[in-house]
Amino acid sequence: MKRLQWPSWMPIDPYILLLLGTVGLAALFPARGTGADVASGASTAAIAFLFFLYGARLSTREAMEGLKHWRLHGTVLACTFVIFPLLGLAARGLEPVFLTHNLYTGLLFLTLVPSTIQSSIAFTSIARGNVPAAICAGSFSSLAGIVITPLLAAALLGNSGGGFSADSLVKIVLQLLVPFMAGQVLRPCGVKWGRAQRVRQGGGGRRVGGFITRHKKVLGYVDRGSILLVVYTAFSEGMVQGIWHQVSPVRLAGLLVVEAVLLAVMLALTWYGSKALNFHREDRIAIQFAGSKKSLASGLPMASVLFGAHASLAVLPLMLFHQMQLMVCAVIAKRRAHDPEAAEAAATATTPVPPAAESRIAVGTGTRSG
C-alpha cells in the first residue's frame, strides 16, 4: 500500500492547514469554564514537555563545535537577534496606519524568536550549501534563543499586550528553561528498557538523547500535537475575551504586506551582506536560510507564556510569516541549486585540493574545514 503524500504542486505547508483548522475549531467551539481550565493545564504541561524534548534532542556538543566557525554563526546570530529586532522596532512607525497595536506587538515578537533548524537544513541542502554549518547555526540559535528571546521581550515589549512581567519571568523559568535544562542534563543519561535490551547493550540501557533521535518521527507528531493544543488554548482565550473583533481584513492585508517586505529585506541582507563579508557561496546559502527564518515551534509556546489571553493575536504574525518563509525559500533553494555557481562549486568539490590551498581555505574563513 502506498503512503499518502502531500502533492508537490501544493505550495501550502500541510501543518499550516492543521493550525488554521485548529484556529477555526477554537473560533467555533472555544473552551470555556471548566473546559478552559483543563485546556490551560494541558497546554502548560504540553509546553513544558515540548521544551524538555527540545533540550533532550539538541546536541550541545554540535552547537558548541560550531563555535569554531565563529564568523558564520556570529553572522547568523546577529541577523536573528540584532537586525531582525531593529527592523521590528523600525516598523513601529506603521502603527496605527497599517497595523493595530496588538498586531504590531505580534510582529515585534516575531522578530525576537530564534531561527529554525529543520527547514534551514532542508533548504540549505537543496541549494547545495554548507549543511553542517546550517545544522550548527540552527542548533546554536535555538540554544541561545531560550535565554535571549525572553531578555529581548523584557527590554522591547514591556507590558505591551499582556507582555513581559515578573510573573512572565517566573513562567518562562518554570515552563521553558527548567524543562529545557532537564532535557539537556538527561540527554546523555542511560535509560533501561528491559532485560533483552540490557543484555544486548551490556547492561547499560539506552541514552535518552539516542532514544529521542531513534524515535524522532513519533515524537515529531507529539511536538506538533502539543503545538496544536497550545494554539487551540490561546485562540480560545482570545475568542472568549473578544480580541478578534479588533482585527479587520484590511489590517490582515496590511500585515501580510509588512511581513513580505520584512522577509525580502532579510533575504537580501543575508545574501549580499555575507558576500560583502567574503563568505564562500556554500556558507552564504547557510547564512541566508538560517538568518532569515523564524521558528514557529519555539515561538508559539513562548508567546503563550508571555501574552496569555492576547497570545492569539501575538502568534498570528508568526504563523503567517512561517508559511511565507517556507514558500519563498523553497523557490529560492531550487533556483540556487541550478545556479551556474552551484555547478561550478560541485565540480570544485570533486576536484582534489592541494594541501597548501586547503590550509589557506580553512584559515581564511573557518567555515569549510567542518
Protein backbone atom coordinates (compact mmCIF):
# COMPACT_ATOMS: atom_id res chain seq x y z
CA MET A 1 0.00 0.00 0.00
CA LYS A 2 1.38 3.39 -0.98
CA ARG A 3 1.71 6.08 1.65
CA LEU A 4 -0.33 9.19 1.10
CA GLN A 5 1.94 12.12 0.30
CA TRP A 6 1.28 15.82 0.13
CA PRO A 7 1.10 16.92 -3.54
CA SER A 8 4.37 18.59 -4.58
CA TRP A 9 2.43 21.23 -6.52
CA MET A 10 0.63 22.38 -3.37
CA PRO A 11 2.63 25.38 -2.01
CA ILE A 12 0.98 25.38 1.42
CA ASP A 13 2.60 23.54 4.31
CA PRO A 14 0.03 20.92 5.45
CA TYR A 15 0.84 21.73 9.06
CA ILE A 16 -0.26 25.30 8.44
CA LEU A 17 -3.61 23.90 7.32
CA LEU A 18 -3.81 21.97 10.61
CA LEU A 19 -3.03 25.17 12.50
CA LEU A 20 -5.71 27.06 10.60
CA GLY A 21 -8.15 24.23 11.27
CA THR A 22 -7.31 24.45 14.97
CA VAL A 23 -7.94 28.20 14.87
CA GLY A 24 -11.32 27.54 13.22
CA LEU A 25 -12.16 24.95 15.88
CA ALA A 26 -11.32 27.45 18.62
CA ALA A 27 -13.48 30.07 16.88
CA LEU A 28 -16.50 27.76 16.64
CA PHE A 29 -16.05 25.86 19.92
CA PRO A 30 -13.84 27.85 22.29
CA ALA A 31 -13.01 26.26 25.62
CA ARG A 32 -14.99 27.89 28.44
CA GLY A 33 -15.33 27.45 32.18
CA THR A 34 -14.02 24.09 33.41
CA GLY A 35 -13.07 23.14 29.85
CA ALA A 36 -10.88 26.24 29.63
CA ASP A 37 -9.17 25.33 32.92
CA VAL A 38 -8.50 21.79 31.68
CA ALA A 39 -7.20 23.08 28.32
CA SER A 40 -4.98 25.64 30.08
CA GLY A 41 -3.48 22.99 32.36
CA ALA A 42 -2.92 20.60 29.45
CA SER A 43 -1.35 23.42 27.43
CA THR A 44 1.03 24.26 30.29
CA ALA A 45 2.08 20.62 30.56
CA ALA A 46 2.46 20.40 26.76
CA ILE A 47 4.73 23.45 26.68
CA ALA A 48 6.94 22.03 29.43
CA PHE A 49 7.14 18.68 27.64
CA LEU A 50 7.94 20.40 24.32
CA PHE A 51 10.92 22.19 25.81
CA PHE A 52 12.06 19.04 27.58
CA LEU A 53 12.13 17.34 24.17
CA TYR A 54 13.95 20.34 22.67
CA GLY A 55 16.59 20.09 25.37
CA ALA A 56 16.96 16.31 25.07
CA ARG A 57 17.06 16.45 21.26
CA LEU A 58 19.51 19.33 20.90
CA SER A 59 23.13 18.25 20.90
CA THR A 60 25.03 20.82 22.92
CA ARG A 61 28.26 19.36 21.58
CA GLU A 62 27.22 20.04 17.99
CA ALA A 63 26.17 23.57 18.89
CA MET A 64 29.42 24.24 20.72
CA GLU A 65 31.51 22.73 17.92
CA GLY A 66 30.00 25.39 15.71
CA LEU A 67 31.91 27.99 17.70
CA LYS A 68 34.99 27.14 15.63
CA HIS A 69 33.08 28.72 12.72
CA TRP A 70 32.50 31.84 14.78
CA ARG A 71 32.26 34.23 11.82
CA LEU A 72 29.40 32.34 10.20
CA HIS A 73 27.48 31.69 13.41
CA GLY A 74 28.09 35.18 14.70
CA THR A 75 26.60 36.49 11.45
CA VAL A 76 23.50 34.28 11.80
CA LEU A 77 23.03 35.29 15.45
CA ALA A 78 23.41 38.97 14.54
CA CYS A 79 20.74 38.59 11.84
CA THR A 80 18.39 36.71 14.18
CA PHE A 81 18.74 38.70 17.39
CA VAL A 82 20.01 42.12 16.27
CA ILE A 83 18.96 43.03 12.71
CA PHE A 84 15.53 41.38 12.90
CA PRO A 85 14.59 43.21 16.16
CA LEU A 86 15.89 46.51 14.77
CA LEU A 87 13.64 46.10 11.74
CA GLY A 88 10.79 45.25 14.09
CA LEU A 89 11.38 48.47 16.03
CA ALA A 90 11.55 50.42 12.77
CA ALA A 91 8.09 49.06 11.90
CA ARG A 92 6.63 50.92 14.89
CA GLY A 93 6.03 53.83 12.54
CA LEU A 94 3.40 51.70 10.75
CA GLU A 95 1.18 51.77 13.84
CA PRO A 96 -1.71 52.62 13.72
CA VAL A 97 -1.98 53.25 9.95
CA PHE A 98 -1.17 49.72 8.76
CA LEU A 99 -1.14 47.73 11.98
CA THR A 100 -3.13 47.79 15.18
CA HIS A 101 -1.20 47.89 18.44
CA ASN A 102 -1.73 44.17 19.08
CA LEU A 103 -0.71 43.17 15.56
CA TYR A 104 2.41 45.32 15.83
CA THR A 105 3.24 43.68 19.18
CA GLY A 106 2.94 40.28 17.48
CA LEU A 107 5.15 41.47 14.62
CA LEU A 108 7.78 42.71 17.05
CA PHE A 109 7.64 39.42 18.97
CA LEU A 110 8.12 37.55 15.68
CA THR A 111 11.43 39.36 15.18
CA LEU A 112 12.68 38.18 18.60
CA VAL A 113 12.27 34.40 18.31
CA PRO A 114 15.18 32.12 17.29
CA SER A 115 15.83 30.66 13.86
CA THR A 116 14.52 27.32 12.62
CA ILE A 117 16.57 24.14 12.47
CA GLN A 118 14.83 21.64 10.19
CA SER A 119 13.76 23.92 7.35
CA SER A 120 17.11 25.76 7.37
CA ILE A 121 18.90 22.44 6.95
CA ALA A 122 16.48 21.22 4.28
CA PHE A 123 16.69 24.36 2.13
CA THR A 124 20.48 24.60 2.55
CA SER A 125 20.78 21.01 1.36
CA ILE A 126 18.52 21.60 -1.66
CA ALA A 127 20.53 24.70 -2.63
CA ARG A 128 23.84 22.81 -2.28
CA GLY A 129 25.03 24.90 0.61
CA ASN A 130 27.06 24.18 3.75
CA VAL A 131 24.73 21.73 5.52
CA PRO A 132 26.95 21.15 8.62
CA ALA A 133 27.08 24.91 9.12
CA ALA A 134 23.27 25.12 8.83
CA ILE A 135 22.88 22.37 11.43
CA CYS A 136 25.18 24.11 13.89
CA ALA A 137 23.70 27.56 13.18
CA GLY A 138 20.14 26.38 13.78
CA SER A 139 21.10 24.47 16.92
CA PHE A 140 23.12 27.35 18.34
CA SER A 141 20.33 29.83 17.58
CA SER A 142 17.75 27.64 19.34
CA LEU A 143 20.04 27.20 22.32
CA ALA A 144 20.72 30.93 22.56
CA GLY A 145 17.06 31.81 22.00
CA ILE A 146 15.98 30.12 25.23
CA VAL A 147 17.73 32.97 27.06
CA ILE A 148 17.97 35.80 24.53
CA THR A 149 14.33 35.86 23.38
CA PRO A 150 12.87 36.40 26.91
CA LEU A 151 15.51 39.07 27.60
CA LEU A 152 14.69 40.89 24.37
CA ALA A 153 10.99 40.58 25.16
CA ALA A 154 11.60 42.13 28.57
CA ALA A 155 13.52 45.03 27.02
CA LEU A 156 11.35 45.72 23.97
CA LEU A 157 7.83 44.52 24.76
CA GLY A 158 7.48 45.54 28.39
CA ASN A 159 3.86 45.02 29.46
CA SER A 160 2.52 45.69 25.97
CA GLY A 161 -0.42 43.46 25.07
CA GLY A 162 -0.05 41.43 28.23
CA GLY A 163 3.64 41.02 27.52
CA PHE A 164 6.61 40.71 29.82
CA SER A 165 6.25 40.99 33.59
CA ALA A 166 7.70 39.43 36.74
CA ASP A 167 5.02 36.75 36.53
CA SER A 168 6.03 36.06 32.91
CA LEU A 169 9.65 35.69 34.02
CA VAL A 170 8.68 33.05 36.58
CA LYS A 171 6.60 31.21 33.98
CA ILE A 172 9.45 31.29 31.47
CA VAL A 173 11.86 29.84 34.01
CA LEU A 174 9.46 27.11 35.18
CA GLN A 175 7.78 26.22 31.88
CA LEU A 176 10.59 26.76 29.39
CA LEU A 177 14.06 26.98 30.91
CA VAL A 178 13.77 24.29 33.63
CA PRO A 179 12.33 21.60 31.29
CA PHE A 180 14.89 22.53 28.61
CA MET A 181 17.79 22.21 31.06
CA ALA A 182 16.33 18.94 32.38
CA GLY A 183 16.34 17.58 28.83
CA GLN A 184 19.94 18.69 28.36
CA VAL A 185 21.02 17.09 31.65
CA LEU A 186 19.19 13.81 30.97
CA ARG A 187 20.23 13.63 27.30
CA PRO A 188 23.46 11.64 27.96
CA CYS A 189 21.91 9.52 30.73
CA GLY A 190 21.18 5.82 30.27
CA VAL A 191 17.61 4.50 30.49
CA LYS A 192 16.88 0.79 30.94
CA TRP A 193 14.20 -0.50 28.62
CA GLY A 194 14.02 -4.18 29.61
CA ARG A 195 16.12 -7.26 30.17
CA ALA A 196 16.66 -8.08 26.48
CA GLN A 197 17.91 -4.59 25.69
CA ARG A 198 20.17 -4.60 28.76
CA VAL A 199 21.71 -7.89 27.68
CA ARG A 200 22.36 -6.64 24.15
CA GLN A 201 23.92 -3.42 25.42
CA GLY A 202 25.90 -4.86 28.28
CA GLY A 203 23.50 -3.70 30.98
CA GLY A 204 23.91 -0.02 30.25
CA GLY A 205 20.50 0.70 28.81
CA ARG A 206 19.92 3.43 26.23
CA ARG A 207 20.66 7.10 26.33
CA VAL A 208 17.70 9.49 26.43
CA GLY A 209 19.14 11.52 23.55
CA GLY A 210 19.63 8.38 21.46
CA PHE A 211 16.10 7.18 22.20
CA ILE A 212 14.65 10.50 21.11
CA THR A 213 16.75 10.51 17.94
CA ARG A 214 15.68 6.96 17.04
CA HIS A 215 12.01 7.78 17.62
CA LYS A 216 12.09 11.30 16.21
CA LYS A 217 9.22 10.61 13.79
CA VAL A 218 6.79 9.59 16.54
CA LEU A 219 7.99 12.34 18.84
CA GLY A 220 7.61 14.77 15.94
CA TYR A 221 3.88 14.03 16.00
CA VAL A 222 3.93 14.68 19.75
CA ASP A 223 5.68 18.02 19.10
CA ARG A 224 3.12 19.10 16.54
CA GLY A 225 0.16 17.85 18.53
CA SER A 226 1.36 19.78 21.56
CA ILE A 227 1.68 22.95 19.50
CA LEU A 228 -1.85 22.47 18.15
CA LEU A 229 -3.09 22.22 21.75
CA VAL A 230 -1.23 25.44 22.65
CA VAL A 231 -2.78 27.19 19.62
CA TYR A 232 -6.29 25.97 20.48
CA THR A 233 -5.96 27.18 24.07
CA ALA A 234 -4.56 30.57 23.06
CA PHE A 235 -7.19 31.22 20.39
CA SER A 236 -9.98 30.01 22.68
CA GLU A 237 -8.94 32.57 25.26
CA GLY A 238 -8.85 35.21 22.55
CA MET A 239 -12.37 34.34 21.42
CA VAL A 240 -13.74 34.43 24.96
CA GLN A 241 -12.04 37.79 25.56
CA GLY A 242 -13.41 39.16 22.25
CA ILE A 243 -9.97 40.11 20.97
CA TRP A 244 -10.64 39.02 17.39
CA HIS A 245 -13.21 41.76 16.90
CA GLN A 246 -10.24 44.16 16.81
CA VAL A 247 -8.90 42.72 13.54
CA SER A 248 -10.29 43.53 10.10
CA PRO A 249 -9.41 42.03 6.67
CA VAL A 250 -7.74 45.32 5.73
CA ARG A 251 -5.46 45.10 8.77
CA LEU A 252 -4.58 41.48 7.91
CA ALA A 253 -3.73 42.53 4.36
CA GLY A 254 -1.52 45.29 5.74
CA LEU A 255 0.22 42.75 7.99
CA LEU A 256 0.92 40.46 5.03
CA VAL A 257 2.46 43.33 3.07
CA VAL A 258 4.66 44.33 6.01
CA GLU A 259 5.82 40.75 6.53
CA ALA A 260 6.58 40.30 2.84
CA VAL A 261 8.80 43.39 2.94
CA LEU A 262 10.46 42.17 6.17
CA LEU A 263 11.26 38.77 4.63
CA ALA A 264 12.54 40.33 1.40
CA VAL A 265 14.83 42.70 3.31
CA MET A 266 16.27 39.86 5.43
CA LEU A 267 16.80 37.59 2.43
CA ALA A 268 18.66 40.37 0.62
CA LEU A 269 20.71 41.37 3.67
CA THR A 270 21.79 37.82 4.46
CA TRP A 271 22.75 37.04 0.85
CA TYR A 272 24.52 40.23 -0.17
CA GLY A 273 25.79 41.04 3.32
CA SER A 274 27.51 37.65 3.57
CA LYS A 275 29.04 38.27 0.15
CA ALA A 276 30.42 41.58 1.40
CA LEU A 277 31.91 39.67 4.35
CA ASN A 278 33.74 37.40 1.87
CA PHE A 279 31.95 34.16 2.70
CA HIS A 280 32.02 31.39 0.13
CA ARG A 281 28.85 30.53 -1.76
CA GLU A 282 28.08 27.45 0.37
CA ASP A 283 28.37 29.49 3.55
CA ARG A 284 26.27 32.32 2.11
CA ILE A 285 23.47 29.85 1.43
CA ALA A 286 23.57 28.59 5.03
CA ILE A 287 23.59 32.17 6.33
CA GLN A 288 20.67 33.18 4.13
CA PHE A 289 18.41 30.29 5.12
CA ALA A 290 19.35 30.24 8.81
CA GLY A 291 19.47 34.01 9.24
CA SER A 292 16.19 34.93 7.51
CA LYS A 293 13.85 32.45 9.24
CA LYS A 294 11.91 32.34 12.47
CA SER A 295 10.89 29.24 14.42
CA LEU A 296 7.18 28.57 14.78
CA ALA A 297 7.87 25.63 17.12
CA SER A 298 9.79 27.81 19.59
CA GLY A 299 7.77 30.99 19.13
CA LEU A 300 4.26 29.63 19.77
CA PRO A 301 4.94 28.21 23.25
CA MET A 302 6.90 31.31 24.24
CA ALA A 303 4.05 33.58 23.11
CA SER A 304 1.57 31.51 25.11
CA VAL A 305 3.62 32.11 28.24
CA LEU A 306 4.27 35.79 27.57
CA PHE A 307 0.90 37.01 26.29
CA GLY A 308 -1.75 34.82 27.92
CA ALA A 309 -5.20 35.72 26.56
CA HIS A 310 -3.59 38.04 23.98
CA ALA A 311 -1.43 35.20 22.57
CA SER A 312 -3.86 34.57 19.70
CA LEU A 313 -3.10 37.93 18.09
CA ALA A 314 0.55 37.77 19.12
CA VAL A 315 1.17 34.49 17.27
CA LEU A 316 -0.82 35.39 14.15
CA PRO A 317 2.08 37.33 12.53
CA LEU A 318 4.43 34.43 13.31
CA MET A 319 2.09 31.86 11.75
CA LEU A 320 1.70 33.93 8.58
CA PHE A 321 5.43 34.64 8.37
CA HIS A 322 6.21 30.93 8.81
CA GLN A 323 4.12 29.96 5.80
CA MET A 324 5.50 32.86 3.77
CA GLN A 325 9.13 31.96 4.50
CA LEU A 326 8.56 28.31 3.54
CA MET A 327 7.02 29.21 0.19
CA VAL A 328 9.59 31.86 -0.73
CA CYS A 329 12.64 29.91 0.47
CA ALA A 330 11.51 26.78 -1.39
CA VAL A 331 11.60 28.75 -4.64
CA ILE A 332 14.97 30.33 -3.80
CA ALA A 333 16.52 26.99 -2.83
CA LYS A 334 15.51 25.39 -6.13
CA ARG A 335 16.91 28.34 -8.08
CA ARG A 336 20.17 28.26 -6.11
CA ALA A 337 20.52 24.55 -6.90
CA HIS A 338 20.50 25.34 -10.64
CA ASP A 339 22.77 28.38 -10.48
CA PRO A 340 25.91 28.22 -12.68
CA GLU A 341 27.80 28.88 -9.44
CA ALA A 342 26.28 25.72 -7.93
CA ALA A 343 27.54 23.56 -10.79
CA GLU A 344 30.97 25.17 -10.54
CA ALA A 345 31.03 24.62 -6.75
CA ALA A 346 30.02 20.96 -7.21
CA ALA A 347 32.80 20.49 -9.77
CA THR A 348 35.29 22.14 -7.44
CA ALA A 349 34.20 19.86 -4.60
CA THR A 350 35.08 16.78 -6.70
CA THR A 351 38.48 18.18 -7.67
CA PRO A 352 41.38 17.32 -5.30
CA VAL A 353 42.60 20.39 -3.45
CA PRO A 354 46.35 20.78 -2.84
CA PRO A 355 47.21 20.62 0.89
CA ALA A 356 48.53 24.18 0.93
CA ALA A 357 45.39 25.56 -0.68
CA GLU A 358 43.18 23.55 1.66
CA SER A 359 45.06 25.01 4.61
CA ARG A 360 44.56 28.53 3.26
CA ILE A 361 40.79 27.92 2.88
CA ALA A 362 40.46 26.65 6.43
CA VAL A 363 42.42 29.55 7.88
CA GLY A 364 40.74 32.12 5.65
CA THR A 365 37.11 31.59 6.64
CA GLY A 366 36.88 28.96 9.29
CA THR A 367 33.74 27.68 7.56
CA ARG A 368 34.90 24.97 5.18
CA SER A 369 37.00 22.79 7.43
CA GLY A 370 33.92 21.31 9.14
